[in-house]
Amino acid sequence: MILFIITETEKIYQTGNWQKKRLALEAAAGDFCVTVHYKQVSLKMLETVKPWAICHSGVSTPFEDYDIRTTRNYRQVALRSPIPQLGICGGHQLIAEFYGSTLGIMRPVGEDEADHNPNYHPGEYKEWGMYPVQVIQPDPLFSGCGERVRVQQFHRSEVKTLGRELIVLASSPACRVQAFVHRKKPVYGVQFHPEEASEAYPDGFRILKNFFRLAASRQR
């Protein structure tokens, strides 16, 4: 089994529709996926359920509005579990911060620019939609992809400076850290949403399959 950790507030975890994302992860992994809230996870829990891969969800709630940054068990899972992990969007930012990175909004919207989603943090620049991302460092995560991938984005904040244990794998003009990997551990983060890929834009599915292939190889 694989584990999908929802990094949102308890209210959004309980009321949100996570089925589409879960099914996309299951299709890419070829195994069933269990969805849990970040407050439910711990190193002891992982020893009991024994997932072979972990994905951390995206987030729409600002981190300062709830306690995820200070939830000890969740932080320990992100930092100490030997299980391969993939952080997606907000999950990517959380893992990066736990490893010493800094976060912030990308920038304000310019005077002559369109706000790509004025209902979400108006006045702040957002990557919102399908965007090209440049692969700048070869890695198995991007096996079979071209030098540029097209992936779904839904974010207004980003990793500003990357912790010393992490390596940038992909970038875009507006967001320097679009993907990273830990120097020694099977820990990845992607600012975009690979689970939101489509037949017209399949790169995200390929990236997910690559992650799960990498994770499965470590179980042998």
N, C-alpha and C. Protein backbone atom coordinates (compact mmCIF):
# COMPACT_ATOMS: atom_id res chain seq x y z
N MET A 1 0.83 -1.19 0.00
CA MET A 1 0.00 0.00 0.00
C MET A 1 0.87 1.26 0.00
N ILE A 2 0.28 2.37 -0.48
CA ILE A 2 0.92 3.66 -0.39
C ILE A 2 0.07 4.54 0.53
N LEU A 3 0.70 5.56 1.09
CA LEU A 3 0.03 6.43 2.06
C LEU A 3 -0.04 7.84 1.48
N PHE A 4 -1.22 8.44 1.53
CA PHE A 4 -1.43 9.81 1.07
C PHE A 4 -1.77 10.65 2.29
N ILE A 5 -0.83 11.48 2.73
CA ILE A 5 -1.03 12.31 3.92
C ILE A 5 -1.62 13.65 3.49
N ILE A 6 -2.80 13.96 4.01
CA ILE A 6 -3.44 15.24 3.72
C ILE A 6 -2.90 16.27 4.71
N THR A 7 -2.27 17.30 4.18
CA THR A 7 -1.59 18.28 5.02
C THR A 7 -2.45 19.52 5.28
N GLU A 8 -3.73 19.40 5.09
CA GLU A 8 -4.67 20.50 5.30
C GLU A 8 -5.23 20.48 6.73
N THR A 9 -6.06 21.47 7.04
CA THR A 9 -6.75 21.52 8.33
C THR A 9 -7.69 20.33 8.46
N GLU A 10 -8.08 20.03 9.68
CA GLU A 10 -8.99 18.91 9.90
C GLU A 10 -10.32 19.14 9.18
N LYS A 11 -10.80 20.37 9.17
CA LYS A 11 -12.08 20.67 8.51
C LYS A 11 -12.00 20.37 7.02
N ILE A 12 -10.95 20.84 6.37
CA ILE A 12 -10.82 20.60 4.93
C ILE A 12 -10.55 19.13 4.64
N TYR A 13 -9.80 18.47 5.52
CA TYR A 13 -9.58 17.03 5.37
C TYR A 13 -10.91 16.28 5.40
N GLN A 14 -11.79 16.67 6.31
CA GLN A 14 -13.07 15.96 6.48
C GLN A 14 -14.08 16.30 5.39
N THR A 15 -14.02 17.52 4.85
CA THR A 15 -15.04 17.95 3.89
C THR A 15 -14.56 17.93 2.44
N GLY A 16 -13.24 17.85 2.23
CA GLY A 16 -12.71 17.89 0.87
C GLY A 16 -12.93 16.58 0.13
N ASN A 17 -12.93 16.68 -1.19
CA ASN A 17 -13.06 15.49 -2.03
C ASN A 17 -11.66 15.06 -2.49
N TRP A 18 -11.12 14.06 -1.84
CA TRP A 18 -9.75 13.60 -2.13
C TRP A 18 -9.73 12.39 -3.05
N GLN A 19 -10.92 11.94 -3.48
CA GLN A 19 -10.98 10.69 -4.24
C GLN A 19 -10.23 10.76 -5.56
N LYS A 20 -10.39 11.86 -6.30
CA LYS A 20 -9.73 11.96 -7.61
C LYS A 20 -8.21 11.86 -7.47
N LYS A 21 -7.67 12.56 -6.49
CA LYS A 21 -6.23 12.52 -6.27
C LYS A 21 -5.79 11.12 -5.83
N ARG A 22 -6.55 10.52 -4.93
CA ARG A 22 -6.21 9.16 -4.47
C ARG A 22 -6.21 8.18 -5.63
N LEU A 23 -7.20 8.26 -6.50
CA LEU A 23 -7.27 7.34 -7.64
C LEU A 23 -6.11 7.56 -8.60
N ALA A 24 -5.70 8.83 -8.78
CA ALA A 24 -4.56 9.10 -9.65
C ALA A 24 -3.28 8.49 -9.07
N LEU A 25 -3.12 8.59 -7.76
CA LEU A 25 -1.94 7.98 -7.13
C LEU A 25 -1.99 6.46 -7.24
N GLU A 26 -3.16 5.88 -7.03
CA GLU A 26 -3.29 4.42 -7.16
C GLU A 26 -2.96 3.95 -8.57
N ALA A 27 -3.44 4.69 -9.57
CA ALA A 27 -3.18 4.31 -10.96
C ALA A 27 -1.70 4.35 -11.27
N ALA A 28 -1.01 5.36 -10.76
CA ALA A 28 0.42 5.49 -11.02
C ALA A 28 1.23 4.45 -10.25
N ALA A 29 0.79 4.13 -9.03
CA ALA A 29 1.53 3.20 -8.19
C ALA A 29 1.23 1.75 -8.49
N GLY A 30 0.05 1.48 -9.03
CA GLY A 30 -0.37 0.09 -9.23
C GLY A 30 -0.66 -0.61 -7.92
N ASP A 31 -1.09 0.14 -6.92
CA ASP A 31 -1.39 -0.41 -5.60
C ASP A 31 -2.44 0.48 -4.95
N PHE A 32 -3.06 -0.01 -3.87
CA PHE A 32 -4.09 0.79 -3.24
C PHE A 32 -3.48 1.85 -2.33
N CYS A 33 -4.23 2.92 -2.15
CA CYS A 33 -3.76 4.09 -1.43
C CYS A 33 -4.67 4.35 -0.23
N VAL A 34 -4.07 4.57 0.93
CA VAL A 34 -4.80 4.93 2.14
C VAL A 34 -4.60 6.42 2.40
N THR A 35 -5.70 7.15 2.58
CA THR A 35 -5.66 8.58 2.83
C THR A 35 -5.80 8.85 4.32
N VAL A 36 -4.88 9.64 4.89
CA VAL A 36 -4.91 9.96 6.31
C VAL A 36 -4.60 11.44 6.51
N HIS A 37 -5.01 11.97 7.66
CA HIS A 37 -4.69 13.34 8.03
C HIS A 37 -3.31 13.37 8.68
N TYR A 38 -2.63 14.52 8.56
CA TYR A 38 -1.27 14.60 9.11
C TYR A 38 -1.23 14.36 10.62
N LYS A 39 -2.33 14.64 11.33
CA LYS A 39 -2.35 14.41 12.77
C LYS A 39 -2.47 12.93 13.13
N GLN A 40 -2.76 12.09 12.14
CA GLN A 40 -2.90 10.66 12.39
C GLN A 40 -1.60 9.89 12.21
N VAL A 41 -0.58 10.52 11.65
CA VAL A 41 0.63 9.78 11.31
C VAL A 41 1.70 9.93 12.38
N SER A 42 2.53 8.90 12.48
CA SER A 42 3.68 8.89 13.37
C SER A 42 4.62 7.80 12.88
N LEU A 43 5.85 7.80 13.36
CA LEU A 43 6.78 6.74 12.98
C LEU A 43 6.26 5.38 13.43
N LYS A 44 5.63 5.33 14.60
CA LYS A 44 5.07 4.06 15.09
C LYS A 44 3.93 3.59 14.19
N MET A 45 3.09 4.52 13.74
CA MET A 45 1.99 4.16 12.85
C MET A 45 2.53 3.58 11.55
N LEU A 46 3.62 4.15 11.02
CA LEU A 46 4.21 3.64 9.78
C LEU A 46 4.74 2.23 9.96
N GLU A 47 5.29 1.94 11.13
CA GLU A 47 5.78 0.59 11.40
C GLU A 47 4.64 -0.43 11.41
N THR A 48 3.44 0.03 11.76
CA THR A 48 2.28 -0.86 11.83
C THR A 48 1.67 -1.09 10.45
N VAL A 49 1.45 -0.02 9.69
CA VAL A 49 0.75 -0.16 8.41
C VAL A 49 1.70 -0.49 7.25
N LYS A 50 2.98 -0.16 7.40
CA LYS A 50 4.03 -0.53 6.44
C LYS A 50 3.76 -0.10 4.99
N PRO A 51 3.55 1.18 4.75
CA PRO A 51 3.45 1.63 3.35
C PRO A 51 4.83 1.57 2.69
N TRP A 52 4.86 1.42 1.38
CA TRP A 52 6.16 1.41 0.68
C TRP A 52 6.46 2.74 0.01
N ALA A 53 5.49 3.68 0.06
CA ALA A 53 5.71 5.03 -0.45
C ALA A 53 4.73 5.97 0.24
N ILE A 54 5.16 7.22 0.40
CA ILE A 54 4.34 8.24 1.06
C ILE A 54 4.26 9.47 0.16
N CYS A 55 3.04 10.01 0.00
CA CYS A 55 2.85 11.28 -0.69
C CYS A 55 2.22 12.28 0.28
N HIS A 56 2.68 13.52 0.22
CA HIS A 56 2.15 14.60 1.06
C HIS A 56 1.36 15.54 0.16
N SER A 57 0.14 15.86 0.54
CA SER A 57 -0.77 16.61 -0.32
C SER A 57 -0.42 18.09 -0.42
N GLY A 58 -1.11 18.76 -1.32
CA GLY A 58 -1.06 20.20 -1.41
C GLY A 58 -1.90 20.84 -0.31
N VAL A 59 -1.80 22.17 -0.22
CA VAL A 59 -2.44 22.94 0.86
C VAL A 59 -2.99 24.24 0.28
N SER A 60 -4.18 24.65 0.70
CA SER A 60 -4.69 25.96 0.34
C SER A 60 -4.68 26.92 1.53
N THR A 61 -4.65 26.39 2.75
CA THR A 61 -4.63 27.20 3.97
C THR A 61 -3.22 27.67 4.28
N PRO A 62 -3.01 28.95 4.58
CA PRO A 62 -1.67 29.40 4.97
C PRO A 62 -1.15 28.62 6.18
N PHE A 63 0.10 28.23 6.17
CA PHE A 63 0.65 27.41 7.25
C PHE A 63 0.55 28.08 8.61
N GLU A 64 0.62 29.42 8.64
CA GLU A 64 0.56 30.12 9.92
C GLU A 64 -0.82 30.07 10.55
N ASP A 65 -1.83 29.60 9.82
CA ASP A 65 -3.19 29.57 10.34
C ASP A 65 -3.54 28.28 11.06
N TYR A 66 -2.64 27.30 11.08
CA TYR A 66 -2.89 26.07 11.83
C TYR A 66 -1.55 25.49 12.29
N ASP A 67 -1.56 24.31 12.88
CA ASP A 67 -0.40 23.85 13.65
C ASP A 67 0.49 22.84 12.94
N ILE A 68 0.40 22.71 11.64
CA ILE A 68 1.13 21.63 10.97
C ILE A 68 2.64 21.77 11.13
N ARG A 69 3.15 22.98 11.17
CA ARG A 69 4.59 23.17 11.30
C ARG A 69 5.13 22.68 12.64
N THR A 70 4.29 22.68 13.65
CA THR A 70 4.74 22.31 15.00
C THR A 70 4.20 20.95 15.46
N THR A 71 3.58 20.20 14.57
CA THR A 71 3.09 18.87 14.92
C THR A 71 4.26 17.89 14.88
N ARG A 72 4.72 17.49 16.05
CA ARG A 72 5.98 16.74 16.18
C ARG A 72 5.96 15.43 15.42
N ASN A 73 4.89 14.65 15.54
CA ASN A 73 4.86 13.33 14.90
C ASN A 73 4.93 13.45 13.38
N TYR A 74 4.21 14.43 12.83
CA TYR A 74 4.26 14.61 11.38
C TYR A 74 5.65 15.04 10.93
N ARG A 75 6.23 15.96 11.65
CA ARG A 75 7.58 16.43 11.31
C ARG A 75 8.59 15.27 11.36
N GLN A 76 8.46 14.40 12.36
CA GLN A 76 9.36 13.25 12.46
C GLN A 76 9.21 12.31 11.28
N VAL A 77 7.97 12.12 10.83
CA VAL A 77 7.74 11.27 9.65
C VAL A 77 8.46 11.85 8.45
N ALA A 78 8.31 13.15 8.24
CA ALA A 78 8.93 13.79 7.08
C ALA A 78 10.45 13.73 7.14
N LEU A 79 11.02 13.85 8.34
CA LEU A 79 12.47 13.94 8.48
C LEU A 79 13.16 12.60 8.72
N ARG A 80 12.48 11.66 9.36
CA ARG A 80 13.18 10.47 9.83
C ARG A 80 12.74 9.15 9.20
N SER A 81 11.59 9.13 8.53
CA SER A 81 11.15 7.87 7.94
C SER A 81 12.06 7.48 6.77
N PRO A 82 12.46 6.20 6.69
CA PRO A 82 13.25 5.74 5.55
C PRO A 82 12.42 5.44 4.31
N ILE A 83 11.10 5.54 4.43
CA ILE A 83 10.20 5.25 3.31
C ILE A 83 10.30 6.37 2.27
N PRO A 84 10.39 6.06 0.99
CA PRO A 84 10.42 7.12 -0.04
C PRO A 84 9.21 8.04 0.07
N GLN A 85 9.46 9.35 -0.06
CA GLN A 85 8.41 10.34 0.13
C GLN A 85 8.40 11.34 -1.03
N LEU A 86 7.20 11.80 -1.35
CA LEU A 86 7.02 12.83 -2.38
C LEU A 86 6.09 13.90 -1.83
N GLY A 87 6.58 15.12 -1.70
CA GLY A 87 5.75 16.24 -1.30
C GLY A 87 5.21 16.95 -2.54
N ILE A 88 3.92 17.25 -2.54
CA ILE A 88 3.26 17.89 -3.67
C ILE A 88 2.78 19.27 -3.26
N CYS A 89 3.19 20.30 -3.98
CA CYS A 89 2.77 21.68 -3.75
C CYS A 89 3.04 22.10 -2.30
N GLY A 90 2.01 22.25 -1.47
CA GLY A 90 2.23 22.60 -0.08
C GLY A 90 3.04 21.56 0.66
N GLY A 91 2.84 20.28 0.33
CA GLY A 91 3.64 19.23 0.95
C GLY A 91 5.11 19.36 0.59
N HIS A 92 5.39 19.77 -0.63
CA HIS A 92 6.74 20.06 -1.09
C HIS A 92 7.35 21.18 -0.26
N GLN A 93 6.58 22.24 -0.01
CA GLN A 93 7.08 23.36 0.76
C GLN A 93 7.33 22.98 2.22
N LEU A 94 6.44 22.19 2.80
CA LEU A 94 6.62 21.77 4.19
C LEU A 94 7.89 20.95 4.37
N ILE A 95 8.08 19.95 3.51
CA ILE A 95 9.28 19.12 3.62
C ILE A 95 10.52 19.97 3.44
N ALA A 96 10.49 20.86 2.46
CA ALA A 96 11.64 21.74 2.24
C ALA A 96 11.94 22.57 3.48
N GLU A 97 10.90 23.12 4.11
CA GLU A 97 11.10 23.94 5.30
C GLU A 97 11.67 23.10 6.45
N PHE A 98 11.17 21.88 6.63
CA PHE A 98 11.69 21.01 7.68
C PHE A 98 13.19 20.76 7.50
N TYR A 99 13.66 20.80 6.26
CA TYR A 99 15.07 20.59 5.97
C TYR A 99 15.85 21.91 5.85
N GLY A 100 15.30 22.97 6.43
CA GLY A 100 16.05 24.21 6.52
C GLY A 100 15.84 25.22 5.42
N SER A 101 14.86 25.01 4.56
CA SER A 101 14.56 25.96 3.50
C SER A 101 13.70 27.10 4.04
N THR A 102 13.62 28.19 3.27
CA THR A 102 12.73 29.29 3.62
C THR A 102 11.65 29.42 2.56
N LEU A 103 10.47 29.87 2.99
CA LEU A 103 9.30 30.00 2.11
C LEU A 103 8.83 31.45 2.04
N GLY A 104 8.05 31.76 1.02
CA GLY A 104 7.45 33.09 0.91
C GLY A 104 6.57 33.15 -0.32
N ILE A 105 5.81 34.25 -0.45
CA ILE A 105 5.00 34.42 -1.65
C ILE A 105 5.94 34.68 -2.83
N MET A 106 5.51 34.34 -4.04
CA MET A 106 6.37 34.58 -5.20
C MET A 106 6.65 36.07 -5.36
N ARG A 107 5.58 36.88 -5.47
CA ARG A 107 5.74 38.33 -5.58
C ARG A 107 4.35 38.94 -5.76
N PRO A 108 4.23 40.26 -5.60
CA PRO A 108 2.95 40.90 -5.91
C PRO A 108 2.70 40.88 -7.42
N VAL A 109 1.44 40.98 -7.79
CA VAL A 109 1.08 41.10 -9.20
C VAL A 109 1.50 42.48 -9.70
N GLY A 110 2.13 42.54 -10.88
CA GLY A 110 2.54 43.82 -11.46
C GLY A 110 1.35 44.64 -11.94
N GLU A 111 1.57 45.92 -12.13
CA GLU A 111 0.48 46.83 -12.52
C GLU A 111 -0.17 46.41 -13.83
N ASP A 112 0.60 45.92 -14.77
CA ASP A 112 0.07 45.56 -16.09
C ASP A 112 -0.17 44.06 -16.24
N GLU A 113 -0.16 43.31 -15.12
CA GLU A 113 -0.33 41.86 -15.18
C GLU A 113 -1.75 41.47 -14.79
N ALA A 114 -2.18 40.34 -15.33
CA ALA A 114 -3.46 39.76 -14.91
C ALA A 114 -3.25 38.92 -13.66
N ASP A 115 -4.23 38.96 -12.78
CA ASP A 115 -4.23 38.08 -11.61
C ASP A 115 -4.88 36.78 -12.05
N HIS A 116 -4.11 35.68 -12.07
CA HIS A 116 -4.60 34.43 -12.65
C HIS A 116 -5.71 33.77 -11.84
N ASN A 117 -5.86 34.19 -10.59
CA ASN A 117 -7.00 33.73 -9.78
C ASN A 117 -7.28 34.80 -8.73
N PRO A 118 -8.04 35.83 -9.08
CA PRO A 118 -8.25 36.96 -8.17
C PRO A 118 -9.02 36.61 -6.91
N ASN A 119 -9.67 35.46 -6.88
CA ASN A 119 -10.41 35.06 -5.69
C ASN A 119 -9.52 34.40 -4.63
N TYR A 120 -8.28 34.10 -4.99
CA TYR A 120 -7.36 33.43 -4.07
C TYR A 120 -6.16 34.34 -3.84
N HIS A 121 -6.06 34.90 -2.63
CA HIS A 121 -4.98 35.83 -2.29
C HIS A 121 -4.83 36.90 -3.38
N PRO A 122 -5.85 37.74 -3.54
CA PRO A 122 -5.79 38.77 -4.58
C PRO A 122 -4.58 39.67 -4.43
N GLY A 123 -4.03 40.06 -5.57
CA GLY A 123 -2.88 40.95 -5.58
C GLY A 123 -1.54 40.24 -5.52
N GLU A 124 -1.56 38.92 -5.31
CA GLU A 124 -0.32 38.15 -5.27
C GLU A 124 -0.19 37.35 -6.57
N TYR A 125 1.02 37.33 -7.13
CA TYR A 125 1.25 36.58 -8.36
C TYR A 125 1.07 35.10 -8.09
N LYS A 126 0.43 34.40 -9.03
CA LYS A 126 0.20 32.96 -8.89
C LYS A 126 0.51 32.24 -10.19
N GLU A 127 1.08 31.07 -10.08
CA GLU A 127 1.10 30.14 -11.22
C GLU A 127 -0.17 29.31 -11.08
N TRP A 128 -1.08 29.46 -12.02
CA TRP A 128 -2.41 28.84 -11.89
C TRP A 128 -2.82 28.32 -13.26
N GLY A 129 -2.63 27.04 -13.48
CA GLY A 129 -2.92 26.44 -14.77
C GLY A 129 -1.77 25.55 -15.20
N MET A 130 -1.73 25.24 -16.49
CA MET A 130 -0.69 24.37 -17.04
C MET A 130 0.53 25.22 -17.43
N TYR A 131 1.69 24.92 -16.84
CA TYR A 131 2.89 25.72 -17.07
C TYR A 131 4.06 24.83 -17.49
N PRO A 132 4.97 25.36 -18.30
CA PRO A 132 6.20 24.63 -18.62
C PRO A 132 7.21 24.76 -17.48
N VAL A 133 7.89 23.67 -17.19
CA VAL A 133 8.92 23.63 -16.15
C VAL A 133 10.17 23.01 -16.75
N GLN A 134 11.31 23.63 -16.50
CA GLN A 134 12.57 23.17 -17.06
C GLN A 134 13.27 22.21 -16.11
N VAL A 135 13.64 21.03 -16.60
CA VAL A 135 14.43 20.08 -15.82
C VAL A 135 15.89 20.52 -15.92
N ILE A 136 16.52 20.84 -14.79
CA ILE A 136 17.89 21.37 -14.81
C ILE A 136 18.91 20.40 -14.25
N GLN A 137 18.45 19.29 -13.65
CA GLN A 137 19.36 18.30 -13.08
C GLN A 137 18.83 16.91 -13.39
N PRO A 138 19.58 16.06 -14.09
CA PRO A 138 19.09 14.71 -14.37
C PRO A 138 18.77 13.94 -13.10
N ASP A 139 17.66 13.24 -13.12
CA ASP A 139 17.25 12.44 -11.96
C ASP A 139 16.22 11.42 -12.42
N PRO A 140 16.19 10.24 -11.79
CA PRO A 140 15.18 9.23 -12.16
C PRO A 140 13.75 9.73 -12.08
N LEU A 141 13.49 10.78 -11.29
CA LEU A 141 12.13 11.31 -11.20
C LEU A 141 11.61 11.78 -12.55
N PHE A 142 12.53 12.23 -13.41
CA PHE A 142 12.14 12.75 -14.72
C PHE A 142 12.54 11.80 -15.86
N SER A 143 12.73 10.54 -15.55
CA SER A 143 13.09 9.57 -16.58
C SER A 143 12.00 9.51 -17.66
N GLY A 144 12.41 9.57 -18.91
CA GLY A 144 11.46 9.52 -20.02
C GLY A 144 10.81 10.84 -20.35
N CYS A 145 11.10 11.88 -19.58
CA CYS A 145 10.55 13.21 -19.85
C CYS A 145 11.56 14.00 -20.70
N GLY A 146 11.10 15.00 -21.36
CA GLY A 146 11.99 15.89 -22.08
C GLY A 146 12.66 16.87 -21.13
N GLU A 147 13.45 17.77 -21.69
CA GLU A 147 14.09 18.79 -20.87
C GLU A 147 13.07 19.76 -20.28
N ARG A 148 11.90 19.83 -20.89
CA ARG A 148 10.82 20.68 -20.39
C ARG A 148 9.56 19.84 -20.24
N VAL A 149 8.93 19.95 -19.07
CA VAL A 149 7.66 19.25 -18.83
C VAL A 149 6.56 20.29 -18.67
N ARG A 150 5.33 19.88 -18.96
CA ARG A 150 4.18 20.76 -18.78
C ARG A 150 3.30 20.16 -17.69
N VAL A 151 3.12 20.92 -16.64
CA VAL A 151 2.47 20.40 -15.44
C VAL A 151 1.50 21.41 -14.85
N GLN A 152 0.55 20.89 -14.09
CA GLN A 152 -0.49 21.73 -13.50
C GLN A 152 0.03 22.43 -12.25
N GLN A 153 -0.26 23.73 -12.16
CA GLN A 153 0.18 24.54 -11.02
C GLN A 153 -1.01 25.20 -10.35
N PHE A 154 -0.96 25.26 -9.01
CA PHE A 154 -1.95 25.99 -8.21
C PHE A 154 -1.23 26.55 -6.99
N HIS A 155 -0.47 27.64 -7.13
CA HIS A 155 0.25 28.15 -5.95
C HIS A 155 0.58 29.63 -6.08
N ARG A 156 0.72 30.26 -4.89
CA ARG A 156 1.12 31.67 -4.82
C ARG A 156 2.39 31.83 -3.98
N SER A 157 2.79 30.80 -3.25
CA SER A 157 4.02 30.84 -2.48
C SER A 157 4.99 29.82 -3.04
N GLU A 158 6.24 29.86 -2.56
CA GLU A 158 7.28 29.01 -3.11
C GLU A 158 8.40 28.81 -2.10
N VAL A 159 9.30 27.91 -2.42
CA VAL A 159 10.54 27.77 -1.67
C VAL A 159 11.49 28.87 -2.15
N LYS A 160 11.88 29.74 -1.24
CA LYS A 160 12.75 30.87 -1.60
C LYS A 160 14.22 30.47 -1.61
N THR A 161 14.68 29.90 -0.51
CA THR A 161 16.06 29.40 -0.44
C THR A 161 16.00 27.94 0.00
N LEU A 162 16.80 27.10 -0.64
CA LEU A 162 16.73 25.65 -0.41
C LEU A 162 17.75 25.22 0.63
N GLY A 163 17.32 24.36 1.56
CA GLY A 163 18.22 23.83 2.58
C GLY A 163 19.41 23.11 1.97
N ARG A 164 20.51 23.04 2.70
CA ARG A 164 21.77 22.51 2.17
C ARG A 164 21.71 21.02 1.82
N GLU A 165 20.77 20.29 2.43
CA GLU A 165 20.66 18.86 2.14
C GLU A 165 19.85 18.56 0.88
N LEU A 166 19.29 19.59 0.26
CA LEU A 166 18.40 19.40 -0.88
C LEU A 166 19.00 19.96 -2.15
N ILE A 167 18.65 19.36 -3.29
CA ILE A 167 19.17 19.74 -4.60
C ILE A 167 18.00 20.14 -5.51
N VAL A 168 18.12 21.27 -6.19
CA VAL A 168 17.09 21.68 -7.15
C VAL A 168 17.16 20.79 -8.38
N LEU A 169 16.00 20.27 -8.80
CA LEU A 169 15.93 19.42 -9.99
C LEU A 169 15.25 20.11 -11.16
N ALA A 170 14.32 21.01 -10.88
CA ALA A 170 13.56 21.65 -11.95
C ALA A 170 13.18 23.05 -11.53
N SER A 171 12.98 23.93 -12.53
CA SER A 171 12.76 25.34 -12.25
C SER A 171 11.86 25.95 -13.33
N SER A 172 11.29 27.11 -13.01
CA SER A 172 10.56 27.90 -13.99
C SER A 172 10.94 29.36 -13.78
N PRO A 173 10.69 30.23 -14.78
CA PRO A 173 11.07 31.63 -14.62
C PRO A 173 10.49 32.30 -13.38
N ALA A 174 9.26 31.94 -13.00
CA ALA A 174 8.61 32.58 -11.86
C ALA A 174 8.91 31.90 -10.54
N CYS A 175 9.34 30.63 -10.59
CA CYS A 175 9.50 29.82 -9.37
C CYS A 175 10.77 28.98 -9.52
N ARG A 176 11.82 29.35 -8.79
CA ARG A 176 13.12 28.69 -9.00
C ARG A 176 13.11 27.23 -8.58
N VAL A 177 12.44 26.90 -7.47
CA VAL A 177 12.47 25.51 -6.97
C VAL A 177 11.15 24.84 -7.32
N GLN A 178 11.08 24.26 -8.50
CA GLN A 178 9.90 23.52 -8.92
C GLN A 178 9.98 22.05 -8.51
N ALA A 179 11.18 21.56 -8.26
CA ALA A 179 11.36 20.18 -7.78
C ALA A 179 12.70 20.09 -7.08
N PHE A 180 12.76 19.23 -6.06
CA PHE A 180 14.02 18.99 -5.37
C PHE A 180 14.13 17.52 -4.98
N VAL A 181 15.31 17.10 -4.62
CA VAL A 181 15.57 15.78 -4.05
C VAL A 181 16.57 15.94 -2.92
N HIS A 182 16.44 15.12 -1.91
CA HIS A 182 17.43 15.09 -0.82
C HIS A 182 18.71 14.47 -1.34
N ARG A 183 19.84 14.95 -0.86
CA ARG A 183 21.14 14.47 -1.35
C ARG A 183 21.38 13.00 -1.05
N LYS A 184 20.80 12.47 0.03
CA LYS A 184 21.09 11.09 0.43
C LYS A 184 19.85 10.22 0.61
N LYS A 185 18.69 10.82 0.78
CA LYS A 185 17.47 10.08 1.07
C LYS A 185 16.52 10.09 -0.13
N PRO A 186 15.61 9.10 -0.22
CA PRO A 186 14.61 9.10 -1.30
C PRO A 186 13.45 10.03 -0.97
N VAL A 187 13.77 11.30 -0.81
CA VAL A 187 12.78 12.32 -0.44
C VAL A 187 12.74 13.36 -1.55
N TYR A 188 11.57 13.54 -2.14
CA TYR A 188 11.38 14.47 -3.26
C TYR A 188 10.30 15.49 -2.92
N GLY A 189 10.35 16.62 -3.60
CA GLY A 189 9.28 17.59 -3.56
C GLY A 189 9.05 18.16 -4.94
N VAL A 190 7.79 18.39 -5.29
CA VAL A 190 7.45 19.05 -6.55
C VAL A 190 6.43 20.15 -6.25
N GLN A 191 6.71 21.36 -6.74
CA GLN A 191 5.80 22.48 -6.50
C GLN A 191 4.49 22.30 -7.26
N PHE A 192 4.54 21.60 -8.37
CA PHE A 192 3.36 21.40 -9.21
C PHE A 192 2.54 20.19 -8.75
N HIS A 193 1.46 19.93 -9.47
CA HIS A 193 0.53 18.84 -9.12
C HIS A 193 0.59 17.74 -10.18
N PRO A 194 1.47 16.76 -10.05
CA PRO A 194 1.52 15.70 -11.06
C PRO A 194 0.26 14.85 -11.10
N GLU A 195 -0.47 14.80 -9.99
CA GLU A 195 -1.70 14.00 -9.95
C GLU A 195 -2.83 14.64 -10.74
N GLU A 196 -2.63 15.88 -11.20
CA GLU A 196 -3.64 16.59 -11.99
C GLU A 196 -3.31 16.56 -13.48
N ALA A 197 -2.51 15.61 -13.91
CA ALA A 197 -2.16 15.47 -15.33
C ALA A 197 -3.38 15.01 -16.13
N SER A 198 -3.23 15.00 -17.45
CA SER A 198 -4.33 14.61 -18.34
C SER A 198 -3.75 13.92 -19.57
N GLU A 199 -4.62 13.42 -20.41
CA GLU A 199 -4.16 12.81 -21.66
C GLU A 199 -3.43 13.83 -22.52
N ALA A 200 -3.90 15.06 -22.52
CA ALA A 200 -3.26 16.11 -23.32
C ALA A 200 -1.91 16.53 -22.72
N TYR A 201 -1.80 16.46 -21.40
CA TYR A 201 -0.57 16.86 -20.70
C TYR A 201 -0.19 15.75 -19.72
N PRO A 202 0.45 14.68 -20.22
CA PRO A 202 0.68 13.48 -19.41
C PRO A 202 1.95 13.49 -18.57
N ASP A 203 2.75 14.56 -18.63
CA ASP A 203 4.05 14.53 -17.93
C ASP A 203 3.91 14.26 -16.44
N GLY A 204 2.88 14.81 -15.83
CA GLY A 204 2.69 14.58 -14.40
C GLY A 204 2.52 13.11 -14.06
N PHE A 205 1.74 12.38 -14.87
CA PHE A 205 1.56 10.95 -14.64
C PHE A 205 2.89 10.21 -14.76
N ARG A 206 3.70 10.59 -15.74
CA ARG A 206 5.00 9.96 -15.94
C ARG A 206 5.91 10.19 -14.72
N ILE A 207 5.86 11.39 -14.18
CA ILE A 207 6.66 11.72 -13.00
C ILE A 207 6.21 10.91 -11.78
N LEU A 208 4.90 10.78 -11.61
CA LEU A 208 4.39 9.95 -10.51
C LEU A 208 4.83 8.50 -10.66
N LYS A 209 4.70 7.96 -11.86
CA LYS A 209 5.10 6.57 -12.09
C LYS A 209 6.59 6.39 -11.82
N ASN A 210 7.39 7.37 -12.19
CA ASN A 210 8.82 7.30 -11.92
C ASN A 210 9.10 7.28 -10.42
N PHE A 211 8.38 8.12 -9.68
CA PHE A 211 8.58 8.12 -8.22
C PHE A 211 8.21 6.77 -7.63
N PHE A 212 7.07 6.23 -8.02
CA PHE A 212 6.65 4.95 -7.44
C PHE A 212 7.56 3.81 -7.91
N ARG A 213 8.08 3.88 -9.11
CA ARG A 213 9.04 2.87 -9.56
C ARG A 213 10.30 2.92 -8.72
N LEU A 214 10.77 4.13 -8.45
CA LEU A 214 11.94 4.31 -7.60
C LEU A 214 11.66 3.78 -6.19
N ALA A 215 10.49 4.12 -5.65
CA ALA A 215 10.13 3.67 -4.31
C ALA A 215 10.05 2.15 -4.23
N ALA A 216 9.43 1.53 -5.24
CA ALA A 216 9.29 0.08 -5.25
C ALA A 216 10.64 -0.62 -5.32
N SER A 217 11.58 -0.03 -6.03
CA SER A 217 12.90 -0.66 -6.16
C SER A 217 13.64 -0.74 -4.85
N ARG A 218 13.29 0.12 -3.90
CA ARG A 218 13.95 0.12 -2.59
C ARG A 218 13.37 -0.93 -1.66
N GLN A 219 12.29 -1.59 -2.09
CA GLN A 219 11.69 -2.64 -1.25
C GLN A 219 12.27 -4.01 -1.54
N ARG A 220 13.08 -4.11 -2.59
CA ARG A 220 13.58 -5.43 -3.00
C ARG A 220 14.75 -5.87 -2.13
